[in-house]
Amino acid sequence: TLQEARFLAEAHYRKIARRFVTGYGIADGDGRIRVGVSVELKKLGTMFDGKYYVTEVRHTFDRKNGYRTYFAVERAWIR
C-alpha cells in the first residue's frame, strides 16, 4: 500500500541520515558500552564532540592490554 511504501522509505531515510558521522573507538573495558546505547565522546574537536549511537561492540581481554572495548558509533549531525 502507499502507507507501507511511505513507512519503508522513511525508515530507510532515517537509517541513512543517522550515518552522517561515523567512527570507531577503543576504551578501557566497560560492559555498559553495548549496541543501542549512546556514548558521550570528548576531545574530538568542537564539531564532533557529543553523543553518538553505538552500532558495534567487541569486548576483549588479553595479557598485554587487559580488558578493552572496541566500538563503532554513528550520528546524524555535526555542530
Protein backbone atom coordinates (compact mmCIF):
# COMPACT_ATOMS: atom_id res chain seq x y z
CA THR A 1 0.00 0.00 0.00
CA LEU A 2 1.01 3.64 -0.26
CA GLN A 3 1.23 3.88 3.54
CA GLU A 4 3.58 0.87 3.73
CA ALA A 5 5.77 2.29 0.96
CA ARG A 6 5.98 5.65 2.76
CA PHE A 7 6.86 3.93 6.05
CA LEU A 8 9.64 1.88 4.41
CA ALA A 9 11.03 4.94 2.60
CA GLU A 10 11.09 6.99 5.81
CA ALA A 11 12.77 4.17 7.74
CA HIS A 12 15.44 3.87 5.03
CA TYR A 13 15.98 7.65 5.03
CA ARG A 14 16.39 7.71 8.85
CA LYS A 15 18.93 4.89 8.65
CA ILE A 16 20.99 6.73 6.02
CA ALA A 17 20.70 10.11 7.78
CA ARG A 18 21.83 8.65 11.11
CA ARG A 19 25.08 7.52 9.50
CA PHE A 20 26.21 11.02 8.51
CA VAL A 21 29.11 10.89 11.01
CA THR A 22 30.65 7.53 11.85
CA GLY A 23 33.66 6.45 13.87
CA TYR A 24 35.49 3.75 15.78
CA GLY A 25 36.96 3.81 19.26
CA ILE A 26 38.77 1.82 21.91
CA ALA A 27 38.07 2.22 25.62
CA ASP A 28 39.16 0.61 28.84
CA GLY A 29 36.84 -2.36 29.26
CA ASP A 30 33.30 -1.24 30.03
CA GLY A 31 30.33 -3.60 29.91
CA ARG A 32 27.96 -0.61 29.76
CA ILE A 33 29.08 0.04 26.19
CA ARG A 34 26.77 -2.09 24.06
CA VAL A 35 24.84 -1.84 20.82
CA GLY A 36 21.91 0.55 21.06
CA VAL A 37 23.19 2.83 23.82
CA SER A 38 24.51 6.36 23.45
CA VAL A 39 28.03 7.31 24.48
CA GLU A 40 29.48 10.76 25.04
CA LEU A 41 32.71 11.30 23.10
CA LYS A 42 35.01 14.19 24.03
CA LYS A 43 38.24 15.79 22.82
CA LEU A 44 37.35 15.22 19.16
CA GLY A 45 37.00 18.92 18.41
CA THR A 46 34.06 21.30 18.56
CA MET A 47 32.25 19.84 15.54
CA PHE A 48 32.46 16.22 16.68
CA ASP A 49 32.23 16.21 20.49
CA GLY A 50 28.92 14.89 21.81
CA LYS A 51 26.62 11.89 21.96
CA TYR A 52 26.88 9.02 19.48
CA TYR A 53 24.76 5.89 18.94
CA VAL A 54 26.74 2.63 19.37
CA THR A 55 26.34 0.27 16.40
CA GLU A 56 29.02 -2.39 17.02
CA VAL A 57 30.89 -3.61 20.11
CA ARG A 58 33.60 -6.15 20.83
CA HIS A 59 34.88 -6.79 24.36
CA THR A 60 38.32 -8.42 24.59
CA PHE A 61 40.81 -9.44 27.23
CA ASP A 62 44.48 -10.26 26.77
CA ARG A 63 47.62 -10.29 28.91
CA LYS A 64 49.16 -7.22 27.26
CA ASN A 65 46.19 -4.79 27.25
CA GLY A 66 43.81 -6.31 29.79
CA TYR A 67 40.09 -5.71 29.32
CA ARG A 68 39.36 -3.48 26.29
CA THR A 69 36.18 -2.45 24.49
CA TYR A 70 36.24 -1.76 20.75
CA PHE A 71 33.19 0.02 19.36
CA ALA A 72 31.67 1.73 16.31
CA VAL A 73 29.40 4.78 16.52
CA GLU A 74 27.27 6.99 14.31
CA ARG A 75 25.15 10.12 14.47
CA ALA A 76 23.26 12.38 12.09
CA TRP A 77 24.91 15.76 12.69
CA ILE A 78 27.98 17.88 13.29
CA ARG A 79 27.99 21.14 15.24
